[in-house]
Amino acid sequence: MSEPSTALEPIVSARGLRKSFGRKPILHGLDFDIPPGRIYGLVGHNGAGKTTTLNAMLGLTSYEGTIRVLGEDPFARRAHLMENVAFISDVASLPRFLRVRELFALLTNIHPNFSQEKARQFLEGTDIRPEMKIKALSKGMMAQLHLAVVMAIDAKLLVLDEPTLGLDITYRKRFYRRLLEDYMTEERTLIITTHQVDEIEFMLSDIMFIRDGELILHMQMETVSEKFSQLVANEPEAQEAARALGPVYEETRFGQTVFIFDGVPRETLEPLGKVSTPTLSDLFVALMQRPTANPESAR
């Protein structure tokens, strides 16, 4: 389920992207384009194929089909491509045995577009000092250091894989807001994988759901509210009428019956109960499993 291609040259373009480990297929022929200047959320359960998709984009694994990142084959041209691409994993990936200044020196050698000066500027006003060992930092200071590292890399494509894993909600929200306000430009593209999808919903321009190696949803965020609706129906008659309209998901919450619909006009649903747009986490749950109450309505 893909959006129409735009006039801009995509940052990432994949056609028939497949990957198997031994006899086990992991990716089942993904097709997608990611245009510049967008913030993508790549969401899926563990083992769904998120990391394999990222690794293909980053030239870290071989694959079948084609994928181009900034017009290049990432597997064949990885060294050249990394000049304009940055990959940052979660805060736990920071080498804890190093001092802050040693981390910055290491990153200068690893990434040509990492700026120690910018990183130090982002740490001004914090309690982090160059001589401090990373393992001695508090969770909050670790979050500040991680953000400084991310924002000091001038890249056209920034890939963040569970970047705030292990952080408190306050630091997670601060991380994402700072990233949105101070880092994103029309020339930069950001891809984020996370399990806390509701926390990044406010900043996403596009969403991709991957399930069992297949892309089951790929659309702009503004399209989600046009396509999907959530209905809370309390009366038995309204519930039966709702089921007749073929919901993609149904569950009972706190004594209320909640339905999610794909492509059913809201004016059709409004007489049956309270209608709203599902949150991304509700939509994720709905599309990642079969309906329980009405299996024949699955699409």
Protein backbone atom coordinates (compact mmCIF):
# COMPACT_ATOMS: atom_id res chain seq x y z
CA MET A 1 0.00 0.00 0.00
CA SER A 2 2.20 2.82 -1.26
CA GLU A 3 1.84 6.52 -1.84
CA PRO A 4 2.15 7.83 -5.40
CA SER A 5 5.69 8.80 -6.31
CA THR A 6 6.59 12.48 -6.04
CA ALA A 7 8.40 14.69 -8.54
CA LEU A 8 11.46 14.82 -6.27
CA GLU A 9 14.14 12.18 -6.66
CA PRO A 10 13.69 9.71 -3.77
CA ILE A 11 16.32 9.51 -1.06
CA VAL A 12 15.62 5.76 -0.86
CA SER A 13 14.00 3.64 -3.57
CA ALA A 14 13.39 -0.11 -3.27
CA ARG A 15 11.91 -2.54 -5.79
CA GLY A 16 11.35 -6.22 -5.09
CA LEU A 17 13.58 -6.08 -2.02
CA ARG A 18 14.05 -9.63 -0.71
CA LYS A 19 16.27 -11.21 1.89
CA SER A 20 16.56 -14.75 3.25
CA PHE A 21 18.71 -16.25 5.97
CA GLY A 22 19.29 -19.83 4.87
CA ARG A 23 15.91 -21.11 3.79
CA LYS A 24 13.99 -18.63 5.90
CA PRO A 25 12.68 -15.64 3.94
CA ILE A 26 12.84 -12.38 5.94
CA LEU A 27 11.77 -9.77 3.36
CA HIS A 28 9.16 -10.66 0.76
CA GLY A 29 9.67 -8.22 -2.09
CA LEU A 30 9.28 -4.70 -0.66
CA ASP A 31 8.51 -1.76 -2.96
CA PHE A 32 8.76 1.78 -1.59
CA ASP A 33 10.10 5.28 -2.19
CA ILE A 34 11.19 7.72 0.52
CA PRO A 35 11.35 11.33 -0.71
CA PRO A 36 13.65 13.99 0.79
CA GLY A 37 12.60 16.24 3.64
CA ARG A 38 10.35 13.65 5.31
CA ILE A 39 10.26 12.02 8.74
CA TYR A 40 9.41 8.33 8.45
CA GLY A 41 8.36 5.97 11.20
CA LEU A 42 9.24 2.34 10.42
CA VAL A 43 7.21 0.20 12.81
CA GLY A 44 6.96 -3.55 13.30
CA HIS A 45 7.22 -6.28 15.89
CA ASN A 46 10.60 -7.83 16.69
CA GLY A 47 11.51 -10.13 13.80
CA ALA A 48 9.17 -8.38 11.35
CA GLY A 49 12.06 -7.28 9.10
CA LYS A 50 12.68 -3.69 10.28
CA THR A 51 16.36 -4.15 11.06
CA THR A 52 16.96 -6.17 7.89
CA THR A 53 15.36 -3.39 5.84
CA LEU A 54 17.56 -0.80 7.55
CA ASN A 55 20.65 -2.95 7.03
CA ALA A 56 19.86 -3.21 3.31
CA MET A 57 19.54 0.60 3.11
CA LEU A 58 22.84 1.01 4.94
CA GLY A 59 24.76 -1.51 2.85
CA LEU A 60 25.25 -3.81 5.84
CA THR A 61 23.70 -6.88 4.22
CA SER A 62 23.31 -8.33 0.74
CA TYR A 63 19.84 -8.64 -0.77
CA GLU A 64 17.83 -9.57 -3.84
CA GLY A 65 15.95 -6.99 -5.87
CA THR A 66 17.15 -3.40 -6.07
CA ILE A 67 17.59 -0.62 -3.55
CA ARG A 68 19.10 2.79 -4.17
CA VAL A 69 20.05 5.32 -1.51
CA LEU A 70 20.87 8.78 -2.84
CA GLY A 71 21.04 7.12 -6.25
CA GLU A 72 23.71 4.61 -5.15
CA ASP A 73 23.73 0.86 -4.56
CA PRO A 74 24.36 0.85 -0.79
CA PHE A 75 26.03 -2.58 -0.72
CA ALA A 76 28.45 -1.82 -3.56
CA ARG A 77 29.05 1.84 -2.68
CA ARG A 78 28.77 1.87 1.10
CA ALA A 79 31.99 3.78 1.87
CA HIS A 80 31.04 6.59 -0.51
CA LEU A 81 27.41 6.62 0.60
CA MET A 82 28.26 6.97 4.29
CA GLU A 83 29.49 10.50 3.62
CA ASN A 84 25.84 11.55 3.42
CA VAL A 85 24.17 8.89 5.58
CA ALA A 86 24.29 8.50 9.36
CA PHE A 87 23.07 5.55 11.42
CA ILE A 88 22.57 5.93 15.16
CA SER A 89 21.33 3.14 17.40
CA ASP A 90 20.01 3.46 20.96
CA VAL A 91 21.83 5.20 23.80
CA ALA A 92 23.12 1.86 25.08
CA SER A 93 25.32 1.65 21.97
CA LEU A 94 27.54 4.50 23.15
CA PRO A 95 30.92 3.00 24.18
CA ARG A 96 30.75 3.39 27.94
CA PHE A 97 34.49 2.86 28.52
CA LEU A 98 35.39 6.06 26.63
CA ARG A 99 35.54 9.63 27.85
CA VAL A 100 33.32 12.19 26.11
CA ARG A 101 36.26 13.78 24.28
CA GLU A 102 37.46 10.32 23.18
CA LEU A 103 33.98 9.56 21.80
CA PHE A 104 34.06 12.76 19.76
CA ALA A 105 37.53 11.91 18.43
CA LEU A 106 36.34 8.42 17.48
CA LEU A 107 33.28 9.80 15.68
CA THR A 108 35.47 12.27 13.78
CA ASN A 109 37.40 9.30 12.39
CA ILE A 110 34.25 7.28 11.65
CA HIS A 111 32.05 9.91 9.99
CA PRO A 112 33.42 12.66 7.72
CA ASN A 113 30.51 14.98 8.48
CA PHE A 114 30.64 14.79 12.28
CA SER A 115 31.51 18.15 13.83
CA GLN A 116 33.15 18.11 17.26
CA GLU A 117 32.51 21.85 17.49
CA LYS A 118 28.76 21.40 16.93
CA ALA A 119 28.64 18.55 19.44
CA ARG A 120 30.36 20.69 22.06
CA GLN A 121 27.95 23.56 21.33
CA PHE A 122 24.97 21.28 21.92
CA LEU A 123 26.43 20.33 25.31
CA GLU A 124 26.86 23.94 26.45
CA GLY A 125 24.69 24.61 29.46
CA THR A 126 24.73 20.94 30.50
CA ASP A 127 26.80 19.31 33.25
CA ILE A 128 28.70 17.14 30.74
CA ARG A 129 32.43 17.78 30.55
CA PRO A 130 34.95 16.43 27.98
CA GLU A 131 36.91 14.45 30.61
CA MET A 132 33.86 12.59 31.94
CA LYS A 133 33.60 8.87 31.33
CA ILE A 134 30.41 7.88 29.56
CA LYS A 135 29.71 5.09 32.08
CA ALA A 136 29.59 7.74 34.85
CA LEU A 137 26.82 9.77 33.18
CA SER A 138 23.27 9.75 34.47
CA LYS A 139 20.41 8.72 32.18
CA GLY A 140 19.56 12.34 31.52
CA MET A 141 23.16 13.23 30.70
CA MET A 142 23.39 10.16 28.47
CA ALA A 143 20.34 11.41 26.57
CA GLN A 144 21.94 14.85 26.17
CA LEU A 145 25.18 13.33 24.88
CA HIS A 146 23.33 11.04 22.49
CA LEU A 147 21.34 13.97 21.10
CA ALA A 148 24.52 16.04 20.69
CA VAL A 149 26.11 13.21 18.70
CA VAL A 150 23.07 12.86 16.46
CA MET A 151 22.72 16.58 15.79
CA ALA A 152 26.43 17.11 15.12
CA ILE A 153 26.31 14.88 12.02
CA ASP A 154 25.46 16.72 8.80
CA ALA A 155 23.76 13.94 6.82
CA LYS A 156 21.13 13.87 4.08
CA LEU A 157 19.71 10.65 5.54
CA LEU A 158 19.67 9.99 9.28
CA VAL A 159 18.56 6.55 10.47
CA LEU A 160 17.67 6.17 14.16
CA ASP A 161 17.05 2.62 15.37
CA GLU A 162 15.20 2.69 18.73
CA PRO A 163 17.20 5.83 19.62
CA THR A 164 15.65 6.44 23.06
CA LEU A 165 15.53 2.84 24.30
CA GLY A 166 15.89 2.74 28.07
CA LEU A 167 15.25 6.45 28.62
CA ASP A 168 12.51 7.92 30.78
CA ILE A 169 9.52 9.44 28.98
CA THR A 170 10.65 12.99 29.84
CA TYR A 171 14.00 12.49 28.13
CA ARG A 172 12.44 10.66 25.19
CA LYS A 173 10.05 13.52 24.46
CA ARG A 174 12.79 16.12 24.88
CA PHE A 175 15.04 14.16 22.50
CA TYR A 176 12.43 14.05 19.74
CA ARG A 177 11.32 17.67 20.11
CA ARG A 178 14.89 18.94 19.93
CA LEU A 179 15.54 16.76 16.91
CA LEU A 180 12.45 18.12 15.15
CA GLU A 181 13.04 21.77 16.01
CA ASP A 182 16.81 22.04 15.62
CA TYR A 183 17.89 19.34 13.18
CA MET A 184 15.29 18.70 10.48
CA THR A 185 15.46 20.67 7.22
CA GLU A 186 13.91 20.28 3.77
CA GLU A 187 17.11 18.61 2.58
CA ARG A 188 17.29 16.02 5.36
CA THR A 189 15.34 12.79 5.67
CA LEU A 190 14.87 10.99 8.96
CA ILE A 191 13.89 7.33 9.44
CA ILE A 192 13.03 6.21 12.98
CA THR A 193 12.23 2.74 14.25
CA THR A 194 10.62 2.59 17.67
CA HIS A 195 8.19 0.62 19.80
CA GLN A 196 6.89 3.82 21.43
CA VAL A 197 5.05 4.86 18.31
CA ASP A 198 2.62 7.23 20.04
CA GLU A 199 5.53 9.34 21.27
CA ILE A 200 6.75 10.13 17.75
CA GLU A 201 3.34 10.40 16.09
CA PHE A 202 3.38 14.20 16.48
CA MET A 203 6.54 14.56 14.39
CA LEU A 204 6.04 11.97 11.64
CA SER A 205 5.21 12.93 8.06
CA ASP A 206 4.91 9.31 6.90
CA ILE A 207 4.37 5.88 8.41
CA MET A 208 5.44 2.39 7.32
CA PHE A 209 4.17 -0.78 9.02
CA ILE A 210 6.07 -3.98 8.32
CA ARG A 211 4.66 -7.38 9.26
CA ASP A 212 6.34 -10.74 8.59
CA GLY A 213 8.61 -9.19 5.97
CA GLU A 214 5.82 -7.43 4.08
CA LEU A 215 4.97 -3.74 3.95
CA ILE A 216 1.31 -3.61 4.97
CA LEU A 217 0.98 0.16 5.31
CA HIS A 218 2.89 3.02 3.70
CA MET A 219 1.24 6.41 3.67
CA GLN A 220 1.49 10.05 4.62
CA MET A 221 0.18 10.86 8.08
CA GLU A 222 -2.50 13.21 6.77
CA THR A 223 -3.89 10.31 4.74
CA VAL A 224 -4.33 8.12 7.83
CA SER A 225 -7.26 10.21 9.09
CA GLU A 226 -8.86 10.13 5.64
CA LYS A 227 -8.59 6.36 5.30
CA PHE A 228 -9.01 4.93 8.80
CA SER A 229 -11.72 5.55 11.41
CA GLN A 230 -12.28 4.29 14.94
CA LEU A 231 -15.81 3.73 16.25
CA VAL A 232 -16.87 3.17 19.85
CA ALA A 233 -20.31 1.55 19.81
CA ASN A 234 -22.08 0.71 23.08
CA GLU A 235 -25.55 -0.40 21.94
CA PRO A 236 -25.90 -4.01 20.69
CA GLU A 237 -27.83 -2.86 17.61
CA ALA A 238 -25.09 -0.38 16.71
CA GLN A 239 -22.44 -3.06 17.21
CA GLU A 240 -24.21 -5.44 14.84
CA ALA A 241 -24.58 -2.67 12.26
CA ALA A 242 -20.87 -1.87 12.65
CA ARG A 243 -19.87 -5.49 12.08
CA ALA A 244 -21.95 -5.55 8.91
CA LEU A 245 -19.72 -2.75 7.54
CA GLY A 246 -16.63 -5.00 7.68
CA PRO A 247 -14.26 -3.57 10.31
CA VAL A 248 -10.60 -4.50 10.03
CA TYR A 249 -10.42 -4.85 13.81
CA GLU A 250 -12.69 -5.20 16.83
CA GLU A 251 -12.03 -5.42 20.54
CA THR A 252 -13.74 -4.79 23.87
CA ARG A 253 -12.15 -2.22 26.16
CA PHE A 254 -13.53 -1.43 29.60
CA GLY A 255 -16.93 -2.69 28.59
CA GLN A 256 -16.97 -0.73 25.31
CA THR A 257 -16.71 -2.25 21.83
CA VAL A 258 -14.15 -0.54 19.60
CA PHE A 259 -14.03 -1.00 15.82
CA ILE A 260 -11.47 0.21 13.29
CA PHE A 261 -12.53 0.68 9.67
CA ASP A 262 -10.58 1.08 6.46
CA GLY A 263 -12.24 3.30 3.86
CA VAL A 264 -15.72 3.47 5.42
CA PRO A 265 -17.09 7.07 5.28
CA ARG A 266 -17.36 8.72 8.67
CA GLU A 267 -20.89 9.88 7.97
CA THR A 268 -21.86 6.21 7.70
CA LEU A 269 -20.35 5.47 11.12
CA GLU A 270 -21.47 8.55 13.07
CA PRO A 271 -25.06 7.33 13.74
CA LEU A 272 -23.58 4.22 15.39
CA GLY A 273 -21.45 5.85 18.11
CA LYS A 274 -18.39 8.00 18.72
CA VAL A 275 -16.09 8.28 15.70
CA SER A 276 -12.44 9.38 15.81
CA THR A 277 -9.09 8.80 14.11
CA PRO A 278 -7.23 5.81 15.61
CA THR A 279 -3.86 6.50 17.19
CA LEU A 280 -0.89 4.94 15.44
CA SER A 281 -0.55 2.36 18.21
CA ASP A 282 -4.24 1.39 17.86
CA LEU A 283 -3.81 1.17 14.10
CA PHE A 284 -0.67 -0.89 14.52
CA VAL A 285 -2.50 -3.39 16.74
CA ALA A 286 -5.40 -3.52 14.28
CA LEU A 287 -3.29 -4.21 11.21
CA MET A 288 -0.80 -6.57 12.84
CA GLN A 289 -3.31 -9.26 13.74
CA ARG A 290 -6.54 -10.75 12.49
CA PRO A 291 -9.86 -9.52 13.90
CA THR A 292 -11.02 -11.83 16.65
CA ALA A 293 -14.77 -11.31 16.60
CA ASN A 294 -15.29 -11.28 12.87
CA PRO A 295 -12.48 -13.07 11.00
CA GLU A 296 -14.32 -13.05 7.69
CA SER A 297 -14.07 -9.27 7.59
CA ALA A 298 -10.25 -9.30 7.41
CA ARG A 299 -8.88 -7.78 4.26
